[in-house]
PDB file of N, CA and C in Angstrom:
ATOM      1  N   MET A   1     -20.949  10.095  -3.417  1.00  0.00           N
ATOM      2  CA  MET A   1     -20.626   9.471  -4.736  1.00  0.00           C
ATOM      3  C   MET A   1     -19.183   9.219  -4.904  1.00  0.00           C
ATOM      4  N   PRO A   2     -18.324  10.143  -4.575  1.00  0.00           N
ATOM      5  CA  PRO A   2     -16.915   9.919  -4.793  1.00  0.00           C
ATOM      6  C   PRO A   2     -16.379   8.695  -3.979  1.00  0.00           C
ATOM      7  N   ARG A   3     -16.957   8.495  -2.846  1.00  0.00           N
ATOM      8  CA  ARG A   3     -16.554   7.305  -1.996  1.00  0.00           C
ATOM      9  C   ARG A   3     -16.893   6.009  -2.763  1.00  0.00           C
ATOM     10  N   LEU A   4     -18.034   5.974  -3.406  1.00  0.00           N
ATOM     11  CA  LEU A   4     -18.342   4.819  -4.096  1.00  0.00           C
ATOM     12  C   LEU A   4     -17.392   4.497  -5.342  1.00  0.00           C
ATOM     13  N   ALA A   5     -17.110   5.629  -6.055  1.00  0.00           N
ATOM     14  CA  ALA A   5     -16.166   5.493  -7.131  1.00  0.00           C
ATOM     15  C   ALA A   5     -14.756   5.010  -6.691  1.00  0.00           C
ATOM     16  N   LEU A   6     -14.232   5.477  -5.509  1.00  0.00           N
ATOM     17  CA  LEU A   6     -13.000   5.153  -4.979  1.00  0.00           C
ATOM     18  C   LEU A   6     -13.031   3.661  -4.555  1.00  0.00           C
ATOM     19  N   LEU A   7     -14.139   3.184  -3.847  1.00  0.00           N
ATOM     20  CA  LEU A   7     -14.232   1.825  -3.523  1.00  0.00           C
ATOM     21  C   LEU A   7     -14.261   1.043  -4.703  1.00  0.00           C
ATOM     22  N   ALA A   8     -14.980   1.352  -5.798  1.00  0.00           N
ATOM     23  CA  ALA A   8     -15.052   0.519  -7.011  1.00  0.00           C
ATOM     24  C   ALA A   8     -13.561   0.421  -7.639  1.00  0.00           C
ATOM     25  N   ALA A   9     -12.894   1.553  -7.574  1.00  0.00           N
ATOM     26  CA  ALA A   9     -11.599   1.590  -8.190  1.00  0.00           C
ATOM     27  C   ALA A   9     -10.601   0.582  -7.326  1.00  0.00           C
ATOM     28  N   VAL A  10     -10.621   0.693  -6.041  1.00  0.00           N
ATOM     29  CA  VAL A  10      -9.868  -0.133  -5.238  1.00  0.00           C
ATOM     30  C   VAL A  10     -10.218  -1.669  -5.382  1.00  0.00           C
ATOM     31  N   ALA A  11     -11.527  -1.944  -5.486  1.00  0.00           N
ATOM     32  CA  ALA A  11     -12.002  -3.231  -5.671  1.00  0.00           C
ATOM     33  C   ALA A  11     -11.536  -3.809  -7.063  1.00  0.00           C
ATOM     34  N   GLY A  12     -11.472  -3.033  -7.990  1.00  0.00           N
ATOM     35  CA  GLY A  12     -11.126  -3.396  -9.327  1.00  0.00           C
ATOM     36  C   GLY A  12      -9.586  -3.713  -9.417  1.00  0.00           C
ATOM     37  N   LEU A  13      -8.849  -2.960  -8.695  1.00  0.00           N
ATOM     38  CA  LEU A  13      -7.430  -3.203  -8.668  1.00  0.00           C
ATOM     39  C   LEU A  13      -7.120  -4.558  -7.936  1.00  0.00           C
ATOM     40  N   LEU A  14      -7.862  -4.774  -6.853  1.00  0.00           N
ATOM     41  CA  LEU A  14      -7.680  -6.000  -6.097  1.00  0.00           C
ATOM     42  C   LEU A  14      -8.070  -7.241  -6.901  1.00  0.00           C
ATOM     43  N   LEU A  15      -9.098  -7.157  -7.743  1.00  0.00           N
ATOM     44  CA  LEU A  15      -9.492  -8.165  -8.530  1.00  0.00           C
ATOM     45  C   LEU A  15      -8.675  -8.451  -9.711  1.00  0.00           C
ATOM     46  N   ALA A  16      -8.010  -7.381 -10.139  1.00  0.00           N
ATOM     47  CA  ALA A  16      -7.238  -7.520 -11.355  1.00  0.00           C
ATOM     48  C   ALA A  16      -5.809  -7.933 -11.018  1.00  0.00           C
ATOM     49  N   ALA A  17      -5.326  -7.766  -9.872  1.00  0.00           N
ATOM     50  CA  ALA A  17      -4.020  -8.188  -9.439  1.00  0.00           C
ATOM     51  C   ALA A  17      -3.981  -9.700  -9.357  1.00  0.00           C
ATOM     52  N   PRO A  18      -2.750 -10.275  -9.832  1.00  0.00           N
ATOM     53  CA  PRO A  18      -2.628 -11.810  -9.747  1.00  0.00           C
ATOM     54  C   PRO A  18      -2.499 -12.224  -8.261  1.00  0.00           C
ATOM     55  N   ALA A  19      -2.900 -13.376  -8.011  1.00  0.00           N
ATOM     56  CA  ALA A  19      -2.916 -13.955  -6.600  1.00  0.00           C
ATOM     57  C   ALA A  19      -1.392 -14.058  -6.316  1.00  0.00           C
ATOM     58  N   GLY A  20      -1.179 -13.784  -5.001  1.00  0.00           N
ATOM     59  CA  GLY A  20       0.232 -13.927  -4.527  1.00  0.00           C
ATOM     60  C   GLY A  20       0.634 -15.438  -4.376  1.00  0.00           C
ATOM     61  N   ALA A  21       1.846 -15.570  -4.491  1.00  0.00           N
ATOM     62  CA  ALA A  21       2.300 -17.020  -4.410  1.00  0.00           C
ATOM     63  C   ALA A  21       2.127 -17.480  -2.887  1.00  0.00           C
ATOM     64  N   ARG A  22       1.708 -18.742  -2.856  1.00  0.00           N
ATOM     65  CA  ARG A  22       1.365 -19.303  -1.542  1.00  0.00           C
ATOM     66  C   ARG A  22       2.645 -20.016  -0.902  1.00  0.00           C
ATOM     67  N   ILE A  23       3.528 -20.359  -1.828  1.00  0.00           N
ATOM     68  CA  ILE A  23       4.859 -20.923  -1.291  1.00  0.00           C
ATOM     69  C   ILE A  23       5.771 -19.644  -1.130  1.00  0.00           C
ATOM     70  N   THR A  24       6.189 -19.398   0.019  1.00  0.00           N
ATOM     71  CA  THR A  24       6.964 -18.125   0.264  1.00  0.00           C
ATOM     72  C   THR A  24       8.531 -18.308   0.360  1.00  0.00           C
ATOM     73  N   ASP A  25       8.945 -19.504   0.471  1.00  0.00           N
ATOM     74  CA  ASP A  25      10.403 -19.731   0.677  1.00  0.00           C
ATOM     75  C   ASP A  25      10.941 -19.813  -0.800  1.00  0.00           C
ATOM     76  N   ARG A  26      11.566 -18.908  -1.271  1.00  0.00           N
ATOM     77  CA  ARG A  26      12.164 -18.730  -2.672  1.00  0.00           C
ATOM     78  C   ARG A  26      13.201 -19.829  -2.890  1.00  0.00           C
ATOM     79  N   GLU A  27      13.878 -20.320  -1.975  1.00  0.00           N
ATOM     80  CA  GLU A  27      14.982 -21.278  -2.060  1.00  0.00           C
ATOM     81  C   GLU A  27      14.526 -22.762  -1.857  1.00  0.00           C
ATOM     82  N   LEU A  28      13.394 -23.042  -1.635  1.00  0.00           N
ATOM     83  CA  LEU A  28      12.818 -24.363  -1.340  1.00  0.00           C
ATOM     84  C   LEU A  28      12.710 -25.053  -2.577  1.00  0.00           C
ATOM     85  N   SER A  29      13.297 -26.317  -2.760  1.00  0.00           N
ATOM     86  CA  SER A  29      13.145 -27.008  -4.034  1.00  0.00           C
ATOM     87  C   SER A  29      11.909 -27.844  -3.905  1.00  0.00           C
ATOM     88  N   CYS A  30      11.445 -28.318  -5.012  1.00  0.00           N
ATOM     89  CA  CYS A  30      10.143 -29.093  -5.075  1.00  0.00           C
ATOM     90  C   CYS A  30      10.357 -30.312  -4.131  1.00  0.00           C
ATOM     91  N   ALA A  31      11.491 -31.030  -4.173  1.00  0.00           N
ATOM     92  CA  ALA A  31      11.725 -32.167  -3.494  1.00  0.00           C
ATOM     93  C   ALA A  31      11.620 -31.870  -1.941  1.00  0.00           C
ATOM     94  N   ASP A  32      12.249 -30.751  -1.457  1.00  0.00           N
ATOM     95  CA  ASP A  32      12.119 -30.374  -0.036  1.00  0.00           C
ATOM     96  C   ASP A  32      10.668 -29.981   0.357  1.00  0.00           C
ATOM     97  N   TRP A  33      10.039 -29.338  -0.632  1.00  0.00           N
ATOM     98  CA  TRP A  33       8.615 -28.857  -0.426  1.00  0.00           C
ATOM     99  C   TRP A  33       7.658 -30.144  -0.263  1.00  0.00           C
ATOM    100  N   LEU A  34       7.887 -31.127  -1.103  1.00  0.00           N
ATOM    101  CA  LEU A  34       7.117 -32.407  -0.945  1.00  0.00           C
ATOM    102  C   LEU A  34       7.503 -33.119   0.441  1.00  0.00           C
ATOM    103  N   LYS A  35       8.742 -33.171   0.662  1.00  0.00           N
ATOM    104  CA  LYS A  35       9.166 -33.851   1.983  1.00  0.00           C
ATOM    105  C   LYS A  35       8.614 -33.201   3.233  1.00  0.00           C
ATOM    106  N   SER A  36       8.455 -31.858   3.150  1.00  0.00           N
ATOM    107  CA  SER A  36       7.992 -31.054   4.286  1.00  0.00           C
ATOM    108  C   SER A  36       6.461 -31.346   4.506  1.00  0.00           C
ATOM    109  N   GLY A  37       5.754 -31.758   3.592  1.00  0.00           N
ATOM    110  CA  GLY A  37       4.448 -32.041   3.716  1.00  0.00           C
ATOM    111  C   GLY A  37       3.529 -30.799   3.554  1.00  0.00           C
ATOM    112  N   ALA A  38       4.073 -29.775   3.034  1.00  0.00           N
ATOM    113  CA  ALA A  38       3.457 -28.412   2.873  1.00  0.00           C
ATOM    114  C   ALA A  38       2.384 -28.611   1.820  1.00  0.00           C
ATOM    115  N   HIS A  39       2.536 -29.565   0.890  1.00  0.00           N
ATOM    116  CA  HIS A  39       1.555 -29.711  -0.145  1.00  0.00           C
ATOM    117  C   HIS A  39       0.266 -30.218   0.358  1.00  0.00           C
ATOM    118  N   ARG A  40       0.213 -30.725   1.606  1.00  0.00           N
ATOM    119  CA  ARG A  40      -0.980 -31.155   2.121  1.00  0.00           C
ATOM    120  C   ARG A  40      -1.817 -30.043   2.755  1.00  0.00           C
ATOM    121  N   LYS A  41      -1.232 -28.934   2.940  1.00  0.00           N
ATOM    122  CA  LYS A  41      -1.814 -27.722   3.505  1.00  0.00           C
ATOM    123  C   LYS A  41      -2.052 -26.596   2.554  1.00  0.00           C
ATOM    124  N   SER A  42      -2.182 -26.904   1.290  1.00  0.00           N
ATOM    125  CA  SER A  42      -2.177 -25.946   0.214  1.00  0.00           C
ATOM    126  C   SER A  42      -3.551 -25.077   0.374  1.00  0.00           C
ATOM    127  N   GLU A  43      -3.390 -23.814   0.001  1.00  0.00           N
ATOM    128  CA  GLU A  43      -4.488 -22.917   0.049  1.00  0.00           C
ATOM    129  C   GLU A  43      -5.356 -22.903  -1.265  1.00  0.00           C
ATOM    130  N   TYR A  44      -4.757 -23.762  -2.240  1.00  0.00           N
ATOM    131  CA  TYR A  44      -5.462 -23.821  -3.562  1.00  0.00           C
ATOM    132  C   TYR A  44      -6.502 -24.879  -3.500  1.00  0.00           C
ATOM    133  N   ALA A  45      -7.427 -24.832  -4.537  1.00  0.00           N
ATOM    134  CA  ALA A  45      -8.390 -25.874  -4.614  1.00  0.00           C
ATOM    135  C   ALA A  45      -7.704 -27.144  -4.971  1.00  0.00           C
ATOM    136  N   ALA A  46      -8.275 -28.223  -4.770  1.00  0.00           N
ATOM    137  CA  ALA A  46      -7.675 -29.554  -4.843  1.00  0.00           C
ATOM    138  C   ALA A  46      -7.131 -29.789  -6.302  1.00  0.00           C
ATOM    139  N   PRO A  47      -7.905 -29.376  -7.324  1.00  0.00           N
ATOM    140  CA  PRO A  47      -7.305 -29.665  -8.657  1.00  0.00           C
ATOM    141  C   PRO A  47      -5.905 -29.010  -8.926  1.00  0.00           C
ATOM    142  N   VAL A  48      -5.886 -27.745  -8.464  1.00  0.00           N
ATOM    143  CA  VAL A  48      -4.745 -26.815  -8.663  1.00  0.00           C
ATOM    144  C   VAL A  48      -3.596 -27.327  -7.794  1.00  0.00           C
ATOM    145  N   ALA A  49      -3.862 -27.716  -6.551  1.00  0.00           N
ATOM    146  CA  ALA A  49      -2.889 -28.192  -5.558  1.00  0.00           C
ATOM    147  C   ALA A  49      -2.269 -29.555  -6.160  1.00  0.00           C
ATOM    148  N   ASN A  50      -3.186 -30.456  -6.665  1.00  0.00           N
ATOM    149  CA  ASN A  50      -2.724 -31.642  -7.367  1.00  0.00           C
ATOM    150  C   ASN A  50      -1.799 -31.482  -8.558  1.00  0.00           C
ATOM    151  N   LYS A  51      -2.090 -30.416  -9.373  1.00  0.00           N
ATOM    152  CA  LYS A  51      -1.186 -30.104 -10.472  1.00  0.00           C
ATOM    153  C   LYS A  51       0.131 -29.582  -9.986  1.00  0.00           C
ATOM    154  N   ILE A  52       0.141 -28.882  -9.016  1.00  0.00           N
ATOM    155  CA  ILE A  52       1.458 -28.442  -8.468  1.00  0.00           C
ATOM    156  C   ILE A  52       2.242 -29.445  -7.944  1.00  0.00           C
ATOM    157  N   LYS A  53       1.529 -30.411  -7.200  1.00  0.00           N
ATOM    158  CA  LYS A  53       2.190 -31.565  -6.561  1.00  0.00           C
ATOM    159  C   LYS A  53       2.837 -32.441  -7.703  1.00  0.00           C
ATOM    160  N   ALA A  54       2.017 -32.737  -8.786  1.00  0.00           N
ATOM    161  CA  ALA A  54       2.473 -33.586  -9.803  1.00  0.00           C
ATOM    162  C   ALA A  54       3.530 -32.940 -10.539  1.00  0.00           C
ATOM    163  N   PHE A  55       3.571 -31.669 -10.760  1.00  0.00           N
ATOM    164  CA  PHE A  55       4.719 -30.974 -11.391  1.00  0.00           C
ATOM    165  C   PHE A  55       5.880 -31.084 -10.647  1.00  0.00           C
ATOM    166  N   CYS A  56       5.779 -30.821  -9.317  1.00  0.00           N
ATOM    167  CA  CYS A  56       6.882 -31.011  -8.377  1.00  0.00           C
ATOM    168  C   CYS A  56       7.556 -32.380  -8.337  1.00  0.00           C
ATOM    169  N   THR A  57       6.661 -33.313  -8.402  1.00  0.00           N
ATOM    170  CA  THR A  57       7.162 -34.675  -8.332  1.00  0.00           C
ATOM    171  C   THR A  57       7.977 -35.025  -9.603  1.00  0.00           C
ATOM    172  N   ALA A  58       7.469 -34.498 -10.787  1.00  0.00           N
ATOM    173  CA  ALA A  58       8.148 -34.665 -12.042  1.00  0.00           C
ATOM    174  C   ALA A  58       9.408 -33.868 -12.180  1.00  0.00           C
ATOM    175  N   ASN A  59       9.514 -32.755 -11.437  1.00  0.00           N
ATOM    176  CA  ASN A  59      10.671 -31.801 -11.460  1.00  0.00           C
ATOM    177  C   ASN A  59      11.213 -31.503 -10.022  1.00  0.00           C
ATOM    178  N   PRO A  60      11.771 -32.482  -9.365  1.00  0.00           N
ATOM    179  CA  PRO A  60      12.229 -32.308  -7.938  1.00  0.00           C
ATOM    180  C   PRO A  60      13.239 -31.202  -7.776  1.00  0.00           C
ATOM    181  N   ARG A  61      14.075 -30.965  -8.692  1.00  0.00           N
ATOM    182  CA  ARG A  61      15.211 -29.990  -8.575  1.00  0.00           C
ATOM    183  C   ARG A  61      14.753 -28.568  -8.763  1.00  0.00           C
ATOM    184  N   MET A  62      13.560 -28.387  -9.351  1.00  0.00           N
ATOM    185  CA  MET A  62      12.997 -27.067  -9.598  1.00  0.00           C
ATOM    186  C   MET A  62      12.659 -26.339  -8.277  1.00  0.00           C
ATOM    187  N   LYS A  63      12.718 -25.081  -8.283  1.00  0.00           N
ATOM    188  CA  LYS A  63      12.256 -24.344  -7.090  1.00  0.00           C
ATOM    189  C   LYS A  63      10.658 -24.394  -6.931  1.00  0.00           C
ATOM    190  N   ALA A  64      10.312 -24.706  -5.667  1.00  0.00           N
ATOM    191  CA  ALA A  64       8.777 -24.935  -5.540  1.00  0.00           C
ATOM    192  C   ALA A  64       8.035 -23.769  -5.952  1.00  0.00           C
ATOM    193  N   ILE A  65       8.560 -22.499  -5.652  1.00  0.00           N
ATOM    194  CA  ILE A  65       7.904 -21.285  -5.932  1.00  0.00           C
ATOM    195  C   ILE A  65       7.675 -21.072  -7.491  1.00  0.00           C
ATOM    196  N   ASP A  66       8.695 -21.598  -8.213  1.00  0.00           N
ATOM    197  CA  ASP A  66       8.668 -21.482  -9.764  1.00  0.00           C
ATOM    198  C   ASP A  66       7.598 -22.486 -10.280  1.00  0.00           C
ATOM    199  N   ALA A  67       7.624 -23.681  -9.648  1.00  0.00           N
ATOM    200  CA  ALA A  67       6.542 -24.674 -10.107  1.00  0.00           C
ATOM    201  C   ALA A  67       5.207 -24.227  -9.728  1.00  0.00           C
ATOM    202  N   GLU A  68       4.939 -23.529  -8.687  1.00  0.00           N
ATOM    203  CA  GLU A  68       3.700 -23.035  -8.332  1.00  0.00           C
ATOM    204  C   GLU A  68       3.166 -21.982  -9.312  1.00  0.00           C
ATOM    205  N   MET A  69       4.151 -21.111  -9.659  1.00  0.00           N
ATOM    206  CA  MET A  69       3.905 -20.031 -10.578  1.00  0.00           C
ATOM    207  C   MET A  69       3.649 -20.592 -11.929  1.00  0.00           C
ATOM    208  N   THR A  70       4.297 -21.570 -12.392  1.00  0.00           N
ATOM    209  CA  THR A  70       4.111 -22.191 -13.618  1.00  0.00           C
ATOM    210  C   THR A  70       2.652 -22.855 -13.732  1.00  0.00           C
ATOM    211  N   MET A  71       2.283 -23.460 -12.637  1.00  0.00           N
ATOM    212  CA  MET A  71       0.895 -24.254 -12.637  1.00  0.00           C
ATOM    213  C   MET A  71      -0.157 -23.271 -12.519  1.00  0.00           C
ATOM    214  N   THR A  72       0.007 -22.214 -11.792  1.00  0.00           N
ATOM    215  CA  THR A  72      -1.122 -21.145 -11.569  1.00  0.00           C
ATOM    216  C   THR A  72      -1.166 -20.020 -12.544  1.00  0.00           C
ATOM    217  N   GLY A  73      -0.122 -19.903 -13.280  1.00  0.00           N
ATOM    218  CA  GLY A  73      -0.085 -18.836 -14.261  1.00  0.00           C
ATOM    219  C   GLY A  73       0.287 -17.399 -13.654  1.00  0.00           C
ATOM    220  N   ASP A  74       0.671 -17.347 -12.399  1.00  0.00           N
ATOM    221  CA  ASP A  74       1.004 -16.145 -11.818  1.00  0.00           C
ATOM    222  C   ASP A  74       2.440 -15.710 -12.111  1.00  0.00           C
TER     223      ASP A  74
END
């Protein structure tokens, strides 16, 4: 029984933790991110990826990782 409780606790922590950012280069601007074509390989569902792309298009000087965090709430 203790194994089951431990497994449940670990699973709960994993589900409660926010998703990690998919854009890993902290210095990459939105403009550079769009130019690189990385937005075409997004790990997000299409509606979320489109929101990030639209936000980056409107804010090209913003850091791409910040735009991603803004649109995903992470």
